[in-house]
Amino acid sequence: MEYIYAALLLHNAGKDINEENVKTVLSAAGIEADDARVKALVAALDGVDIEEAISKAAVAPVAAAPAAAAAAAAPAVEEEAEEEAEEEKEESGMAGLGALFG
């Protein structure tokens, strides 16, 4: 994450996102930069419109929140249904045993 934050900080400051600048930001934060990760980040961001990516990322979670909440609630509903079915099964089993001895 630190590498992405460094790139965002550079973007916000209007600086070029290149290997030297990313390493400088990371070292200023007390982080030892991994050359391979820095190169990969710079290569991945080459040609990316960061403003557009930020605006899309800011909108996506808002739209996804209701769907995520519904998905999180689904397992609880399934568990309740399974528990009720199990209780009914136990009750019917007890009635069957009563018929054997009654």
N, C-alpha and C. Protein backbone atom coordinates (compact mmCIF):
# COMPACT_ATOMS: atom_id res chain seq x y z
N MET A 1 0.81 -1.19 0.00
CA MET A 1 0.00 0.00 0.00
C MET A 1 0.87 1.26 0.00
N GLU A 2 2.00 1.18 0.66
CA GLU A 2 2.85 2.36 0.76
C GLU A 2 3.26 2.86 -0.61
N TYR A 3 3.46 1.94 -1.53
CA TYR A 3 3.89 2.30 -2.87
C TYR A 3 2.78 3.07 -3.59
N ILE A 4 1.56 2.61 -3.42
CA ILE A 4 0.42 3.30 -4.04
C ILE A 4 0.24 4.67 -3.41
N TYR A 5 0.37 4.72 -2.08
CA TYR A 5 0.25 6.02 -1.41
C TYR A 5 1.31 6.99 -1.91
N ALA A 6 2.52 6.50 -2.12
CA ALA A 6 3.59 7.35 -2.63
C ALA A 6 3.21 7.89 -4.01
N ALA A 7 2.68 7.03 -4.86
CA ALA A 7 2.27 7.47 -6.20
C ALA A 7 1.14 8.50 -6.11
N LEU A 8 0.18 8.27 -5.22
CA LEU A 8 -0.93 9.22 -5.07
C LEU A 8 -0.44 10.56 -4.53
N LEU A 9 0.50 10.52 -3.61
CA LEU A 9 1.07 11.74 -3.07
C LEU A 9 1.79 12.53 -4.16
N LEU A 10 2.57 11.82 -4.96
CA LEU A 10 3.26 12.48 -6.07
C LEU A 10 2.26 13.08 -7.05
N HIS A 11 1.21 12.33 -7.36
CA HIS A 11 0.19 12.83 -8.28
C HIS A 11 -0.47 14.08 -7.72
N ASN A 12 -0.81 14.05 -6.44
CA ASN A 12 -1.47 15.18 -5.80
C ASN A 12 -0.57 16.41 -5.78
N ALA A 13 0.74 16.19 -5.66
CA ALA A 13 1.70 17.29 -5.64
C ALA A 13 2.04 17.78 -7.05
N GLY A 14 1.54 17.10 -8.07
CA GLY A 14 1.81 17.50 -9.44
C GLY A 14 3.19 17.07 -9.93
N LYS A 15 3.78 16.11 -9.27
CA LYS A 15 5.11 15.60 -9.65
C LYS A 15 4.97 14.38 -10.54
N ASP A 16 6.03 14.11 -11.30
CA ASP A 16 6.05 12.91 -12.14
C ASP A 16 6.14 11.67 -11.27
N ILE A 17 5.39 10.65 -11.68
CA ILE A 17 5.47 9.38 -10.97
C ILE A 17 6.51 8.53 -11.69
N ASN A 18 7.72 8.62 -11.19
CA ASN A 18 8.82 7.83 -11.76
C ASN A 18 9.54 7.13 -10.61
N GLU A 19 10.46 6.27 -10.97
CA GLU A 19 11.13 5.44 -9.96
C GLU A 19 11.85 6.29 -8.91
N GLU A 20 12.55 7.30 -9.35
CA GLU A 20 13.32 8.14 -8.43
C GLU A 20 12.40 8.85 -7.44
N ASN A 21 11.31 9.42 -7.93
CA ASN A 21 10.41 10.15 -7.05
C ASN A 21 9.69 9.22 -6.07
N VAL A 22 9.28 8.05 -6.53
CA VAL A 22 8.62 7.10 -5.64
C VAL A 22 9.58 6.66 -4.54
N LYS A 23 10.83 6.38 -4.90
CA LYS A 23 11.83 5.99 -3.91
C LYS A 23 12.07 7.11 -2.90
N THR A 24 12.09 8.35 -3.38
CA THR A 24 12.31 9.49 -2.50
C THR A 24 11.18 9.62 -1.48
N VAL A 25 9.95 9.49 -1.93
CA VAL A 25 8.81 9.57 -1.03
C VAL A 25 8.85 8.44 0.00
N LEU A 26 9.13 7.23 -0.48
CA LEU A 26 9.18 6.10 0.44
C LEU A 26 10.28 6.26 1.48
N SER A 27 11.45 6.71 1.05
CA SER A 27 12.54 6.86 2.02
C SER A 27 12.23 8.00 2.99
N ALA A 28 11.54 9.04 2.56
CA ALA A 28 11.14 10.12 3.46
C ALA A 28 10.17 9.61 4.52
N ALA A 29 9.41 8.58 4.18
CA ALA A 29 8.47 7.98 5.13
C ALA A 29 9.14 6.90 5.97
N GLY A 30 10.42 6.67 5.75
CA GLY A 30 11.15 5.68 6.53
C GLY A 30 10.96 4.26 6.03
N ILE A 31 10.60 4.11 4.76
CA ILE A 31 10.36 2.79 4.18
C ILE A 31 11.47 2.49 3.18
N GLU A 32 12.06 1.31 3.34
CA GLU A 32 13.10 0.89 2.40
C GLU A 32 12.43 0.40 1.12
N ALA A 33 12.68 1.06 0.02
CA ALA A 33 12.02 0.75 -1.25
C ALA A 33 12.61 -0.50 -1.89
N ASP A 34 11.73 -1.34 -2.39
CA ASP A 34 12.11 -2.53 -3.15
C ASP A 34 12.10 -2.12 -4.62
N ASP A 35 13.26 -2.18 -5.25
CA ASP A 35 13.39 -1.72 -6.64
C ASP A 35 12.40 -2.39 -7.58
N ALA A 36 12.19 -3.69 -7.43
CA ALA A 36 11.28 -4.41 -8.32
C ALA A 36 9.85 -3.91 -8.16
N ARG A 37 9.44 -3.67 -6.93
CA ARG A 37 8.07 -3.18 -6.70
C ARG A 37 7.89 -1.76 -7.23
N VAL A 38 8.93 -0.94 -7.08
CA VAL A 38 8.86 0.43 -7.59
C VAL A 38 8.75 0.41 -9.11
N LYS A 39 9.57 -0.41 -9.76
CA LYS A 39 9.52 -0.52 -11.22
C LYS A 39 8.16 -1.03 -11.68
N ALA A 40 7.62 -2.01 -10.98
CA ALA A 40 6.31 -2.57 -11.34
C ALA A 40 5.21 -1.53 -11.19
N LEU A 41 5.27 -0.75 -10.13
CA LEU A 41 4.27 0.30 -9.91
C LEU A 41 4.33 1.35 -11.01
N VAL A 42 5.52 1.83 -11.29
CA VAL A 42 5.68 2.86 -12.32
C VAL A 42 5.21 2.33 -13.67
N ALA A 43 5.55 1.10 -13.99
CA ALA A 43 5.13 0.50 -15.26
C ALA A 43 3.61 0.34 -15.31
N ALA A 44 3.01 -0.06 -14.18
CA ALA A 44 1.56 -0.26 -14.14
C ALA A 44 0.80 1.05 -14.28
N LEU A 45 1.38 2.13 -13.79
CA LEU A 45 0.70 3.43 -13.85
C LEU A 45 0.99 4.19 -15.13
N ASP A 46 1.87 3.67 -15.96
CA ASP A 46 2.20 4.33 -17.22
C ASP A 46 0.95 4.40 -18.11
N GLY A 47 0.54 5.59 -18.45
CA GLY A 47 -0.62 5.77 -19.32
C GLY A 47 -1.96 5.73 -18.60
N VAL A 48 -1.95 5.61 -17.28
CA VAL A 48 -3.21 5.57 -16.52
C VAL A 48 -3.60 6.99 -16.14
N ASP A 49 -4.87 7.33 -16.36
CA ASP A 49 -5.40 8.62 -15.92
C ASP A 49 -5.82 8.45 -14.45
N ILE A 50 -4.97 8.92 -13.56
CA ILE A 50 -5.19 8.70 -12.13
C ILE A 50 -6.46 9.41 -11.64
N GLU A 51 -6.72 10.59 -12.14
CA GLU A 51 -7.95 11.31 -11.74
C GLU A 51 -9.19 10.49 -12.09
N GLU A 52 -9.20 9.93 -13.27
CA GLU A 52 -10.34 9.10 -13.70
C GLU A 52 -10.45 7.85 -12.82
N ALA A 53 -9.33 7.22 -12.54
CA ALA A 53 -9.33 6.02 -11.69
C ALA A 53 -9.84 6.34 -10.29
N ILE A 54 -9.45 7.48 -9.76
CA ILE A 54 -9.91 7.88 -8.42
C ILE A 54 -11.40 8.16 -8.43
N SER A 55 -11.89 8.82 -9.46
CA SER A 55 -13.32 9.14 -9.50
C SER A 55 -14.16 7.87 -9.65
N LYS A 56 -13.68 6.91 -10.42
CA LYS A 56 -14.41 5.65 -10.56
C LYS A 56 -14.38 4.86 -9.25
N ALA A 57 -13.24 4.87 -8.58
CA ALA A 57 -13.11 4.13 -7.32
C ALA A 57 -13.97 4.75 -6.23
N ALA A 58 -14.14 6.06 -6.26
CA ALA A 58 -14.95 6.74 -5.24
C ALA A 58 -16.42 6.44 -5.42
N VAL A 59 -16.86 6.17 -6.63
CA VAL A 59 -18.28 5.91 -6.89
C VAL A 59 -18.61 4.43 -6.69
N ALA A 60 -17.72 3.55 -7.01
CA ALA A 60 -17.99 2.11 -6.97
C ALA A 60 -18.40 1.59 -5.59
N PRO A 61 -17.73 1.93 -4.49
CA PRO A 61 -18.14 1.38 -3.20
C PRO A 61 -19.54 1.80 -2.77
N VAL A 62 -19.96 2.99 -3.14
CA VAL A 62 -21.29 3.46 -2.76
C VAL A 62 -22.35 2.59 -3.42
N ALA A 63 -22.16 2.24 -4.68
CA ALA A 63 -23.13 1.41 -5.39
C ALA A 63 -23.06 -0.03 -4.92
N ALA A 64 -21.90 -0.48 -4.50
CA ALA A 64 -21.73 -1.87 -4.11
C ALA A 64 -22.15 -2.13 -2.66
N ALA A 65 -22.28 -1.10 -1.85
CA ALA A 65 -22.58 -1.29 -0.42
C ALA A 65 -23.89 -2.03 -0.18
N PRO A 66 -25.01 -1.66 -0.82
CA PRO A 66 -26.25 -2.41 -0.57
C PRO A 66 -26.16 -3.88 -0.99
N ALA A 67 -25.50 -4.14 -2.08
CA ALA A 67 -25.34 -5.52 -2.54
C ALA A 67 -24.48 -6.31 -1.57
N ALA A 68 -23.44 -5.69 -1.05
CA ALA A 68 -22.57 -6.38 -0.08
C ALA A 68 -23.33 -6.66 1.21
N ALA A 69 -24.17 -5.73 1.64
CA ALA A 69 -24.94 -5.94 2.86
C ALA A 69 -25.93 -7.08 2.68
N ALA A 70 -26.56 -7.14 1.52
CA ALA A 70 -27.50 -8.23 1.25
C ALA A 70 -26.78 -9.57 1.19
N ALA A 71 -25.61 -9.58 0.59
CA ALA A 71 -24.83 -10.82 0.50
C ALA A 71 -24.37 -11.28 1.88
N ALA A 72 -24.06 -10.34 2.75
CA ALA A 72 -23.63 -10.69 4.10
C ALA A 72 -24.79 -11.23 4.92
N ALA A 73 -26.00 -10.77 4.66
CA ALA A 73 -27.17 -11.22 5.42
C ALA A 73 -27.66 -12.58 4.95
N ALA A 74 -27.38 -12.95 3.72
CA ALA A 74 -27.88 -14.22 3.17
C ALA A 74 -27.44 -15.44 3.96
N PRO A 75 -26.18 -15.57 4.38
CA PRO A 75 -25.79 -16.76 5.15
C PRO A 75 -26.54 -16.87 6.48
N ALA A 76 -26.84 -15.74 7.11
CA ALA A 76 -27.56 -15.79 8.39
C ALA A 76 -28.97 -16.33 8.18
N VAL A 77 -29.62 -15.93 7.10
CA VAL A 77 -30.96 -16.41 6.80
C VAL A 77 -30.93 -17.91 6.52
N GLU A 78 -29.92 -18.34 5.78
CA GLU A 78 -29.79 -19.77 5.47
C GLU A 78 -29.55 -20.59 6.74
N GLU A 79 -28.73 -20.05 7.65
CA GLU A 79 -28.45 -20.76 8.90
C GLU A 79 -29.73 -20.92 9.72
N GLU A 80 -30.53 -19.85 9.80
CA GLU A 80 -31.78 -19.91 10.55
C GLU A 80 -32.71 -20.97 9.96
N ALA A 81 -32.80 -21.03 8.64
CA ALA A 81 -33.67 -22.00 7.98
C ALA A 81 -33.18 -23.42 8.26
N GLU A 82 -31.86 -23.62 8.24
CA GLU A 82 -31.30 -24.94 8.52
C GLU A 82 -31.58 -25.36 9.97
N GLU A 83 -31.44 -24.41 10.90
CA GLU A 83 -31.68 -24.71 12.31
C GLU A 83 -33.15 -25.09 12.53
N GLU A 84 -34.06 -24.36 11.90
CA GLU A 84 -35.49 -24.67 12.03
C GLU A 84 -35.80 -26.05 11.46
N ALA A 85 -35.21 -26.36 10.33
CA ALA A 85 -35.44 -27.67 9.70
C ALA A 85 -34.90 -28.78 10.60
N GLU A 86 -33.76 -28.53 11.23
CA GLU A 86 -33.17 -29.53 12.11
C GLU A 86 -34.05 -29.74 13.35
N GLU A 87 -34.59 -28.65 13.91
CA GLU A 87 -35.47 -28.76 15.07
C GLU A 87 -36.73 -29.55 14.74
N GLU A 88 -37.31 -29.27 13.58
CA GLU A 88 -38.51 -29.98 13.15
C GLU A 88 -38.21 -31.47 12.97
N LYS A 89 -37.04 -31.76 12.44
CA LYS A 89 -36.64 -33.15 12.22
C LYS A 89 -36.51 -33.88 13.56
N GLU A 90 -35.91 -33.21 14.54
CA GLU A 90 -35.75 -33.81 15.86
C GLU A 90 -37.11 -34.06 16.52
N GLU A 91 -38.01 -33.09 16.39
CA GLU A 91 -39.33 -33.21 16.99
C GLU A 91 -40.11 -34.37 16.37
N SER A 92 -40.03 -34.49 15.06
CA SER A 92 -40.75 -35.58 14.38
C SER A 92 -40.13 -36.93 14.74
N GLY A 93 -38.82 -36.94 14.95
CA GLY A 93 -38.15 -38.17 15.36
C GLY A 93 -38.60 -38.61 16.76
N MET A 94 -38.79 -37.67 17.66
CA MET A 94 -39.25 -37.96 19.01
C MET A 94 -40.66 -38.51 18.99
N ALA A 95 -41.49 -37.95 18.13
CA ALA A 95 -42.88 -38.43 18.03
C ALA A 95 -42.88 -39.88 17.53
N GLY A 96 -42.00 -40.21 16.63
CA GLY A 96 -41.91 -41.57 16.13
C GLY A 96 -41.50 -42.55 17.22
N LEU A 97 -40.55 -42.12 18.07
CA LEU A 97 -40.11 -42.97 19.17
C LEU A 97 -41.24 -43.19 20.19
N GLY A 98 -42.05 -42.16 20.40
CA GLY A 98 -43.17 -42.26 21.32
C GLY A 98 -44.17 -43.29 20.86
N ALA A 99 -44.33 -43.40 19.56
CA ALA A 99 -45.28 -44.37 19.00
C ALA A 99 -44.79 -45.78 19.25
N LEU A 100 -43.50 -45.98 19.29
CA LEU A 100 -42.96 -47.33 19.53
C LEU A 100 -43.27 -47.83 20.95
N PHE A 101 -43.23 -46.90 21.91
CA PHE A 101 -43.41 -47.31 23.30
C PHE A 101 -44.78 -46.94 23.85
N GLY A 102 -45.60 -46.29 23.09
CA GLY A 102 -46.85 -45.79 23.61
C GLY A 102 -47.94 -46.74 23.48
